[in-house]
Amino acid sequence: MSLKRLLLPAAVAAAVMSPFTPVSISQAVAAPEAVKAQVESVNRHYADIAEAVFADSLAAAKQLQAAIDTLIANPTDANLNAAREAWKAARVPYQQSEVFRFGNAIVDDWEGKVNAWPLDEGLIDYVDANRYGSESDINAWYSANIIANPALNIGGQQVDAATIDKTLLAETLHEIDGVEANVATGYHAIEFLLWGQDLHGTKPGAGERPATDFDTDNCTGGNCDRRAAYLKAATDLLVDDLAEMAAHWQEGGDARQQLAAKGDLGGLATITTGMGSLSYGELGGERTKLGLMLHDPEEEHDCFSDNTHWSHYYDALGIRNAYLGEYSRIDGSTLKGASLSALTRAANPTLDQKMRDHLDATQAAAQVMVDAAAQGETFDVLIAAGNTEGNAKVQAFVDALTAQTQVLEEVMTTLGIADVELEGSDSLDNPSAVLGG
């Protein structure tokens, strides 16, 4: 991924940002004292939403943990399906937390432990070598298969994996040799263990791991005891990691303290940095446009479960939540409070409505992908070469994310939020670098 300052198209820039003259909150709004008083409340409520969404992510992960414990104790098809559904449910609040990345260093420093992707799954377990390959020029651990090998010596590096536990996964295996694709922990390692490889390419169908892969009495795939131990350790570690982040956002927690230390405008910059970077470079670029350009299902975010349409939907919803100051909790309650939308409305009601309209348009574009998945066209099918209509649905989502980011920059200018660098993506900023042109 590349980092850059996102620039508006020339026609928009001329109308909105030229010349670019940062202004203060008091200069930007019609009722300065009232709005200045609101800014602290906006930043505090943003932290309240973070506290709620990470608490929900933890609660959902504990439900996943219980489902996986049941699967390991009784590895039936029904229990495997229940664990898979619990994994999908756990993604709902977590994906809405990703808007707190990019602007909050404490989240970025932690995030790779729980949501790193893509991963070279051969590090963890057996794979179909005809589809996966047996080696990689850049990853010596590409097909190490820790589950099958209690001791390994690769490139002179010895690993004692006789006991598969949280320490082995987190401290030894995760990103071993400094290779980011060696993902040993988090949601996607768990996803791989629950579904197995998706061998359908850009055709309908997800991973098809049998429940007997965890059945020590009727074992398929070999090493069922070690596979169950890995799944258990990875899930317990996920719960631990989410508990850590949930605590950071509680009153007096490190994340809240770091946000408060930035001051009023610094807090607003944090909010908009997360919104814009997730919207443009990460979700619009790395997670969506890149796979579309390459027509490659390996670039699919939830590539084993074919749940990518929902992950994208809830990422987009998290951006919307941050602007509106709203979050629907997993218990059915709704958190509402002071918002960036209210600040923008006080300064420029037309711009606020424009931002809301673009957020709605993005959510509608995400819904189109969700509806397509319900008809069998999951994300990997939509991005397939030759699927003109499917490609157009994905491109519409990318376009909506790009457009809402441009409007967000208008909001930032209006509120005097300056010197913010949003994440970019070569897939959007320099396509020839991706395609080798």
Protein backbone atom coordinates (compact mmCIF):
# COMPACT_ATOMS: atom_id res chain seq x y z
CA MET A 1 0.00 0.00 0.00
CA SER A 2 1.10 3.53 -0.63
CA LEU A 3 0.48 6.60 1.47
CA LYS A 4 -0.43 9.87 -0.13
CA ARG A 5 -2.51 12.96 0.33
CA LEU A 6 -5.72 12.32 -1.56
CA LEU A 7 -6.27 15.08 -4.08
CA LEU A 8 -9.67 16.08 -5.35
CA PRO A 9 -10.34 16.05 -9.09
CA ALA A 10 -9.39 19.34 -10.70
CA ALA A 11 -12.94 20.54 -11.26
CA VAL A 12 -13.90 19.90 -7.64
CA ALA A 13 -10.66 21.27 -6.28
CA ALA A 14 -11.11 24.51 -8.17
CA ALA A 15 -14.54 25.00 -6.72
CA VAL A 16 -13.87 23.82 -3.18
CA MET A 17 -10.22 23.83 -2.22
CA SER A 18 -8.41 26.42 -4.30
CA PRO A 19 -6.75 28.23 -2.78
CA PHE A 20 -6.46 25.82 0.20
CA THR A 21 -6.48 28.03 3.26
CA PRO A 22 -6.95 26.15 6.53
CA VAL A 23 -9.38 27.86 8.84
CA SER A 24 -10.12 27.41 12.49
CA ILE A 25 -13.38 26.05 13.85
CA SER A 26 -14.37 29.54 14.97
CA GLN A 27 -13.74 30.94 11.48
CA ALA A 28 -15.56 28.14 9.72
CA VAL A 29 -18.96 28.24 11.37
CA ALA A 30 -21.79 30.68 11.76
CA ALA A 31 -22.14 30.22 15.52
CA PRO A 32 -18.52 29.76 16.60
CA GLU A 33 -18.85 29.62 20.38
CA ALA A 34 -21.67 27.09 20.26
CA VAL A 35 -19.82 24.88 17.79
CA LYS A 36 -16.50 25.13 19.63
CA ALA A 37 -18.30 23.83 22.70
CA GLN A 38 -19.64 20.93 20.66
CA VAL A 39 -16.24 19.76 19.42
CA GLU A 40 -15.16 18.27 22.72
CA SER A 41 -18.50 16.43 22.89
CA VAL A 42 -18.00 15.10 19.36
CA ASN A 43 -14.59 13.69 20.24
CA ARG A 44 -15.87 12.20 23.48
CA HIS A 45 -18.82 10.55 21.76
CA TYR A 46 -16.51 9.16 19.09
CA ALA A 47 -14.57 7.48 21.92
CA ASP A 48 -17.84 6.23 23.42
CA ILE A 49 -18.69 4.55 20.12
CA ALA A 50 -15.23 3.00 19.99
CA GLU A 51 -15.73 1.66 23.51
CA ALA A 52 -19.08 0.16 22.51
CA VAL A 53 -17.94 -1.37 19.23
CA PHE A 54 -14.88 -3.02 20.73
CA ALA A 55 -16.94 -4.26 23.68
CA ASP A 56 -19.39 -5.78 21.19
CA SER A 57 -16.51 -7.30 19.21
CA LEU A 58 -15.28 -8.91 22.42
CA ALA A 59 -18.73 -10.20 23.32
CA ALA A 60 -19.22 -11.69 19.84
CA ALA A 61 -15.76 -13.28 19.97
CA LYS A 62 -16.66 -14.93 23.26
CA GLN A 63 -19.75 -16.39 21.57
CA LEU A 64 -17.47 -17.67 18.80
CA GLN A 65 -15.17 -19.11 21.46
CA ALA A 66 -18.07 -21.02 23.01
CA ALA A 67 -19.16 -22.36 19.61
CA ILE A 68 -15.63 -23.53 18.85
CA ASP A 69 -15.32 -25.21 22.23
CA THR A 70 -18.52 -27.10 21.40
CA LEU A 71 -17.17 -28.06 17.97
CA ILE A 72 -13.93 -29.40 19.41
CA ALA A 73 -15.79 -31.39 22.07
CA ASN A 74 -18.28 -32.78 19.54
CA PRO A 75 -17.09 -32.33 15.93
CA THR A 76 -20.34 -32.72 14.01
CA ASP A 77 -21.47 -30.98 10.84
CA ALA A 78 -24.09 -29.07 12.85
CA ASN A 79 -21.51 -27.80 15.33
CA LEU A 80 -19.11 -26.84 12.53
CA ASN A 81 -21.87 -24.85 10.84
CA ALA A 82 -22.73 -23.18 14.16
CA ALA A 83 -19.09 -22.17 14.64
CA ARG A 84 -19.00 -20.76 11.13
CA GLU A 85 -22.13 -18.72 11.77
CA ALA A 86 -20.62 -17.46 15.03
CA TRP A 87 -17.52 -16.38 13.10
CA LYS A 88 -19.66 -14.42 10.64
CA ALA A 89 -21.58 -12.83 13.51
CA ALA A 90 -18.31 -11.84 15.18
CA ARG A 91 -17.31 -9.95 12.05
CA VAL A 92 -20.33 -7.63 12.25
CA PRO A 93 -19.15 -5.43 15.15
CA TYR A 94 -15.45 -5.88 14.41
CA GLN A 95 -15.67 -4.56 10.85
CA GLN A 96 -17.44 -1.48 12.19
CA SER A 97 -14.41 -0.90 14.42
CA GLU A 98 -12.00 -0.49 11.52
CA VAL A 99 -12.85 3.19 11.11
CA PHE A 100 -10.85 3.71 14.32
CA ARG A 101 -7.70 2.64 12.48
CA PHE A 102 -5.30 5.03 10.72
CA GLY A 103 -6.00 7.96 13.03
CA ASN A 104 -5.39 6.09 16.30
CA ALA A 105 -1.88 4.68 16.49
CA ILE A 106 -2.82 2.40 19.37
CA VAL A 107 -5.33 0.63 17.11
CA ASP A 108 -2.98 0.37 14.14
CA ASP A 109 -0.17 -1.04 16.28
CA TRP A 110 -2.57 -3.75 17.51
CA GLU A 111 -4.72 -4.48 14.46
CA GLY A 112 -2.29 -6.81 12.69
CA LYS A 113 -2.76 -9.38 15.44
CA VAL A 114 -6.47 -9.76 14.80
CA ASN A 115 -7.26 -8.95 11.17
CA ALA A 116 -4.10 -9.40 9.10
CA TRP A 117 -4.62 -10.67 5.55
CA PRO A 118 -4.02 -12.10 3.05
CA LEU A 119 -2.35 -15.13 4.57
CA ASP A 120 -0.26 -17.99 3.26
CA GLU A 121 -2.42 -20.72 4.73
CA GLY A 122 0.17 -23.43 4.06
CA LEU A 123 2.00 -22.11 7.12
CA ILE A 124 -0.86 -23.42 9.25
CA ASP A 125 -2.33 -26.59 7.75
CA TYR A 126 -2.59 -28.84 4.74
CA VAL A 127 -3.43 -27.32 1.37
CA ASP A 128 -4.08 -28.56 -2.14
CA ALA A 129 -0.57 -28.25 -3.57
CA ASN A 130 -1.92 -28.36 -7.13
CA ARG A 131 -3.74 -25.08 -6.46
CA TYR A 132 -1.54 -23.55 -3.79
CA GLY A 133 1.93 -24.60 -4.89
CA SER A 134 4.70 -25.97 -2.73
CA GLU A 135 7.07 -23.04 -2.29
CA SER A 136 7.42 -19.29 -2.55
CA ASP A 137 10.38 -17.17 -3.59
CA ILE A 138 9.65 -14.70 -0.81
CA ASN A 139 8.36 -16.92 2.01
CA ALA A 140 10.36 -19.88 3.26
CA TRP A 141 7.47 -20.83 5.54
CA TYR A 142 4.93 -20.87 2.70
CA SER A 143 4.06 -24.56 3.17
CA ALA A 144 5.49 -25.26 6.63
CA ASN A 145 2.23 -26.84 7.89
CA ILE A 146 2.69 -26.33 11.60
CA ILE A 147 -0.26 -28.59 12.39
CA ALA A 148 1.46 -31.55 10.74
CA ASN A 149 4.96 -30.79 12.02
CA PRO A 150 5.74 -30.58 15.74
CA ALA A 151 9.32 -29.59 14.92
CA LEU A 152 10.62 -27.62 11.96
CA ASN A 153 13.97 -26.40 10.68
CA ILE A 154 13.53 -24.00 7.77
CA GLY A 155 16.39 -21.92 6.50
CA GLY A 156 18.36 -22.70 9.64
CA GLN A 157 15.54 -21.46 11.89
CA GLN A 158 14.24 -24.08 14.28
CA VAL A 159 10.71 -24.04 15.67
CA ASP A 160 9.52 -26.33 18.44
CA ALA A 161 5.80 -26.67 17.77
CA ALA A 162 5.22 -29.76 19.88
CA THR A 163 2.74 -27.78 21.96
CA ILE A 164 0.35 -25.57 20.02
CA ASP A 165 -0.66 -22.74 22.33
CA LYS A 166 -1.16 -18.98 22.34
CA THR A 167 2.52 -18.30 22.93
CA LEU A 168 3.59 -20.34 19.90
CA LEU A 169 1.09 -18.59 17.64
CA ALA A 170 1.59 -15.02 18.83
CA GLU A 171 5.29 -14.92 19.69
CA THR A 172 6.88 -17.41 17.28
CA LEU A 173 4.75 -17.98 14.21
CA HIS A 174 2.88 -14.74 13.56
CA GLU A 175 4.78 -12.91 10.79
CA ILE A 176 7.71 -15.28 11.23
CA ASP A 177 10.78 -14.24 9.22
CA GLY A 178 9.22 -10.78 8.98
CA VAL A 179 6.84 -11.95 6.24
CA GLU A 180 3.44 -10.30 6.62
CA ALA A 181 1.69 -13.17 4.81
CA ASN A 182 2.68 -15.51 7.65
CA VAL A 183 -0.54 -14.79 9.49
CA ALA A 184 -0.82 -17.22 12.39
CA THR A 185 -3.42 -15.43 14.50
CA GLY A 186 -6.69 -13.53 14.25
CA TYR A 187 -9.98 -13.80 12.43
CA HIS A 188 -8.55 -15.07 9.15
CA ALA A 189 -6.47 -17.87 10.66
CA ILE A 190 -9.64 -18.99 12.44
CA GLU A 191 -11.62 -18.60 9.22
CA PHE A 192 -9.18 -20.86 7.36
CA LEU A 193 -9.42 -23.52 10.04
CA LEU A 194 -13.22 -23.45 9.98
CA TRP A 195 -13.64 -23.45 6.19
CA GLY A 196 -10.38 -24.65 4.68
CA GLN A 197 -9.21 -23.53 1.26
CA ASP A 198 -11.74 -22.18 -1.19
CA LEU A 199 -10.87 -24.23 -4.28
CA HIS A 200 -13.66 -22.82 -6.44
CA GLY A 201 -11.68 -19.88 -7.83
CA THR A 202 -14.13 -17.34 -9.25
CA LYS A 203 -16.94 -19.88 -9.36
CA PRO A 204 -19.61 -20.12 -6.62
CA GLY A 205 -18.56 -21.95 -3.48
CA ALA A 206 -16.55 -21.41 -0.29
CA GLY A 207 -14.15 -23.66 1.61
CA GLU A 208 -15.44 -27.14 2.37
CA ARG A 209 -13.44 -28.42 5.34
CA PRO A 210 -15.25 -31.41 6.89
CA ALA A 211 -16.08 -31.53 10.59
CA THR A 212 -14.10 -34.76 10.79
CA ASP A 213 -10.92 -32.69 10.42
CA PHE A 214 -11.42 -32.07 14.17
CA ASP A 215 -12.59 -35.60 15.07
CA THR A 216 -9.82 -37.56 16.78
CA ASP A 217 -11.91 -40.75 16.59
CA ASN A 218 -12.65 -40.47 12.87
CA CYS A 219 -9.89 -38.15 11.67
CA THR A 220 -9.63 -36.74 8.18
CA GLY A 221 -6.76 -34.54 7.07
CA GLY A 222 -4.48 -35.97 9.74
CA ASN A 223 -3.40 -34.43 13.06
CA CYS A 224 -6.95 -33.70 14.21
CA ASP A 225 -5.82 -33.19 17.81
CA ARG A 226 -3.28 -30.56 16.76
CA ARG A 227 -5.76 -28.87 14.42
CA ALA A 228 -8.24 -28.58 17.28
CA ALA A 229 -5.48 -27.23 19.53
CA TYR A 230 -4.57 -24.60 16.94
CA LEU A 231 -8.18 -23.53 16.49
CA LYS A 232 -8.64 -23.33 20.26
CA ALA A 233 -5.44 -21.33 20.81
CA ALA A 234 -6.18 -18.90 17.97
CA THR A 235 -9.70 -18.26 19.25
CA ASP A 236 -8.62 -17.78 22.85
CA LEU A 237 -5.92 -15.38 21.66
CA LEU A 238 -8.48 -13.39 19.65
CA VAL A 239 -10.58 -12.98 22.79
CA ASP A 240 -7.52 -11.84 24.76
CA ASP A 241 -6.54 -9.31 22.09
CA LEU A 242 -10.05 -7.86 21.84
CA ALA A 243 -10.25 -7.60 25.63
CA GLU A 244 -7.05 -5.56 25.54
CA MET A 245 -8.43 -3.09 22.99
CA ALA A 246 -11.82 -2.86 24.66
CA ALA A 247 -10.06 -1.85 27.88
CA HIS A 248 -8.06 0.83 26.06
CA TRP A 249 -11.31 2.62 25.14
CA GLN A 250 -12.88 2.53 28.58
CA GLU A 251 -12.78 5.65 30.75
CA GLY A 252 -9.15 6.33 31.64
CA GLY A 253 -7.90 3.89 29.01
CA ASP A 254 -4.85 4.59 26.91
CA ALA A 255 -6.78 5.15 23.67
CA ARG A 256 -9.02 7.77 25.27
CA GLN A 257 -6.08 9.51 26.85
CA GLN A 258 -4.18 9.63 23.57
CA LEU A 259 -7.21 11.04 21.77
CA ALA A 260 -7.78 13.72 24.41
CA ALA A 261 -4.12 14.73 24.28
CA LYS A 262 -4.52 15.74 20.63
CA GLY A 263 -6.88 18.59 21.50
CA ASP A 264 -10.16 19.51 19.81
CA LEU A 265 -8.99 19.88 16.22
CA GLY A 266 -6.58 16.98 16.64
CA GLY A 267 -9.49 14.82 17.68
CA LEU A 268 -11.48 15.82 14.61
CA ALA A 269 -8.43 15.10 12.45
CA THR A 270 -8.28 11.63 13.99
CA ILE A 271 -11.93 10.97 13.15
CA THR A 272 -11.63 12.11 9.57
CA THR A 273 -8.28 10.41 8.99
CA GLY A 274 -9.85 7.08 9.92
CA MET A 275 -12.92 7.73 7.80
CA GLY A 276 -11.02 8.88 4.72
CA SER A 277 -8.21 6.33 4.83
CA LEU A 278 -10.56 3.39 5.30
CA SER A 279 -12.93 4.70 2.65
CA TYR A 280 -10.35 5.40 -0.03
CA GLY A 281 -7.05 3.59 0.23
CA GLU A 282 -7.98 0.56 2.31
CA LEU A 283 -11.56 -0.42 1.46
CA GLY A 284 -11.91 1.25 -1.92
CA GLY A 285 -8.39 0.37 -3.05
CA GLU A 286 -6.63 -2.55 -1.36
CA ARG A 287 -9.70 -4.59 -0.47
CA THR A 288 -11.90 -3.93 -3.48
CA LYS A 289 -10.32 -2.32 -6.55
CA LEU A 290 -7.15 -4.41 -6.40
CA GLY A 291 -9.01 -7.72 -6.59
CA LEU A 292 -11.23 -6.34 -9.34
CA MET A 293 -8.25 -5.22 -11.42
CA LEU A 294 -6.51 -8.58 -11.07
CA HIS A 295 -9.73 -10.65 -11.18
CA ASP A 296 -8.05 -12.59 -8.39
CA PRO A 297 -10.03 -14.31 -5.61
CA GLU A 298 -6.85 -14.49 -3.54
CA GLU A 299 -7.26 -10.73 -3.04
CA GLU A 300 -10.66 -11.32 -1.44
CA HIS A 301 -10.75 -10.20 2.20
CA ASP A 302 -12.73 -13.17 3.58
CA CYS A 303 -11.52 -15.60 0.95
CA PHE A 304 -12.19 -18.88 2.75
CA SER A 305 -15.76 -18.16 3.89
CA ASP A 306 -16.90 -16.00 0.95
CA ASN A 307 -18.18 -13.49 3.50
CA THR A 308 -16.44 -10.49 1.90
CA HIS A 309 -19.65 -8.76 0.84
CA TRP A 310 -20.70 -8.44 4.48
CA SER A 311 -17.24 -7.38 5.66
CA HIS A 312 -17.26 -4.59 3.07
CA TYR A 313 -20.80 -3.62 4.00
CA TYR A 314 -19.94 -3.25 7.69
CA ASP A 315 -16.67 -1.45 7.00
CA ALA A 316 -18.69 1.12 5.03
CA LEU A 317 -21.26 1.27 7.82
CA GLY A 318 -18.50 2.01 10.32
CA ILE A 319 -17.52 5.07 8.28
CA ARG A 320 -21.13 6.21 8.27
CA ASN A 321 -21.35 5.63 12.04
CA ALA A 322 -18.33 7.86 12.65
CA TYR A 323 -19.85 10.75 10.73
CA LEU A 324 -23.37 10.48 12.14
CA GLY A 325 -22.32 9.66 15.70
CA GLU A 326 -24.50 6.55 15.71
CA TYR A 327 -23.90 2.86 16.39
CA SER A 328 -26.38 -0.01 16.59
CA ARG A 329 -25.18 -2.41 19.27
CA ILE A 330 -25.48 -6.19 19.10
CA ASP A 331 -28.01 -6.11 21.96
CA GLY A 332 -30.38 -4.05 19.78
CA SER A 333 -29.78 -0.70 21.47
CA THR A 334 -28.55 2.36 19.58
CA LEU A 335 -25.87 4.77 20.68
CA LYS A 336 -26.40 8.35 19.48
CA GLY A 337 -24.72 11.61 20.35
CA ALA A 338 -22.69 14.62 19.25
CA SER A 339 -21.42 14.16 15.72
CA LEU A 340 -19.22 15.41 12.94
CA SER A 341 -22.45 15.72 10.98
CA ALA A 342 -23.83 18.23 13.47
CA LEU A 343 -20.64 20.31 13.29
CA THR A 344 -20.78 20.32 9.50
CA ARG A 345 -24.47 21.18 9.50
CA ALA A 346 -23.80 24.21 11.71
CA ALA A 347 -21.19 25.43 9.25
CA ASN A 348 -22.83 24.42 5.97
CA PRO A 349 -26.16 22.54 6.00
CA THR A 350 -25.94 21.83 2.27
CA LEU A 351 -22.55 20.18 2.65
CA ASP A 352 -23.77 18.05 5.55
CA GLN A 353 -26.67 16.80 3.45
CA LYS A 354 -24.29 16.12 0.58
CA MET A 355 -22.08 14.04 2.85
CA ARG A 356 -25.07 12.12 4.17
CA ASP A 357 -26.30 11.47 0.63
CA HIS A 358 -22.93 10.07 -0.40
CA LEU A 359 -22.73 7.85 2.67
CA ASP A 360 -26.19 6.51 1.80
CA ALA A 361 -25.11 5.93 -1.80
CA THR A 362 -22.11 3.93 -0.63
CA GLN A 363 -24.26 1.81 1.64
CA ALA A 364 -26.66 1.21 -1.24
CA ALA A 365 -23.77 0.08 -3.45
CA ALA A 366 -22.63 -2.29 -0.71
CA GLN A 367 -26.16 -3.63 -0.44
CA VAL A 368 -26.10 -4.46 -4.16
CA MET A 369 -23.11 -6.76 -3.51
CA VAL A 370 -24.87 -8.30 -0.52
CA ASP A 371 -27.96 -8.95 -2.62
CA ALA A 372 -25.82 -10.47 -5.40
CA ALA A 373 -24.17 -12.80 -2.87
CA ALA A 374 -27.61 -14.01 -1.77
CA GLN A 375 -28.14 -15.09 -5.38
CA GLY A 376 -24.82 -16.96 -5.51
CA GLU A 377 -22.62 -14.15 -6.83
CA THR A 378 -20.24 -13.65 -3.94
CA PHE A 379 -17.38 -11.18 -4.22
CA ASP A 380 -15.03 -13.67 -5.88
CA VAL A 381 -17.67 -14.38 -8.52
CA LEU A 382 -18.38 -10.68 -9.06
CA ILE A 383 -14.73 -9.86 -9.78
CA ALA A 384 -14.22 -12.73 -12.24
CA ALA A 385 -12.79 -11.88 -15.65
CA GLY A 386 -15.62 -11.68 -18.16
CA ASN A 387 -18.33 -11.03 -15.57
CA THR A 388 -19.17 -7.61 -16.94
CA GLU A 389 -22.27 -7.03 -14.81
CA GLY A 390 -20.57 -8.31 -11.67
CA ASN A 391 -17.49 -6.18 -12.24
CA ALA A 392 -19.73 -3.13 -12.67
CA LYS A 393 -21.37 -3.76 -9.28
CA VAL A 394 -17.98 -3.86 -7.58
CA GLN A 395 -16.76 -0.80 -9.48
CA ALA A 396 -19.87 1.10 -8.39
CA PHE A 397 -18.89 0.44 -4.78
CA VAL A 398 -15.35 1.70 -5.43
CA ASP A 399 -16.71 4.80 -7.16
CA ALA A 400 -19.06 5.52 -4.27
CA LEU A 401 -16.25 5.21 -1.73
CA THR A 402 -14.03 7.52 -3.78
CA ALA A 403 -16.79 10.10 -4.17
CA GLN A 404 -17.66 10.13 -0.46
CA THR A 405 -13.99 10.63 0.38
CA GLN A 406 -13.87 13.66 -1.87
CA VAL A 407 -16.89 15.12 -0.07
CA LEU A 408 -15.27 14.29 3.26
CA GLU A 409 -12.33 16.47 2.22
CA GLU A 410 -14.77 19.32 1.66
CA VAL A 411 -16.01 18.74 5.20
CA MET A 412 -12.44 18.79 6.50
CA THR A 413 -11.74 22.06 4.73
CA THR A 414 -14.92 23.64 6.07
CA LEU A 415 -14.06 22.65 9.65
CA GLY A 416 -10.43 23.72 9.35
CA ILE A 417 -8.97 20.24 9.62
CA ALA A 418 -5.58 20.56 7.92
CA ASP A 419 -2.36 18.59 7.45
CA VAL A 420 -4.12 15.23 7.25
CA GLU A 421 -2.65 12.47 5.10
CA LEU A 422 -5.08 9.84 3.92
CA GLU A 423 -4.09 6.36 2.89
CA GLY A 424 -3.88 5.73 -0.83
CA SER A 425 -3.62 2.63 -2.96
CA ASP A 426 -1.71 1.96 -6.15
CA SER A 427 -4.83 0.32 -7.52
CA LEU A 428 -6.47 3.76 -7.50
CA ASP A 429 -3.52 6.14 -7.72
CA ASN A 430 -1.07 4.28 -9.96
CA PRO A 431 -2.78 1.33 -11.71
CA SER A 432 0.17 0.72 -14.03
CA ALA A 433 2.25 -0.24 -10.99
CA VAL A 434 -0.27 -2.99 -10.24
CA LEU A 435 -0.66 -4.24 -13.80
CA GLY A 436 3.01 -3.92 -14.67
CA GLY A 437 2.42 -1.36 -17.43
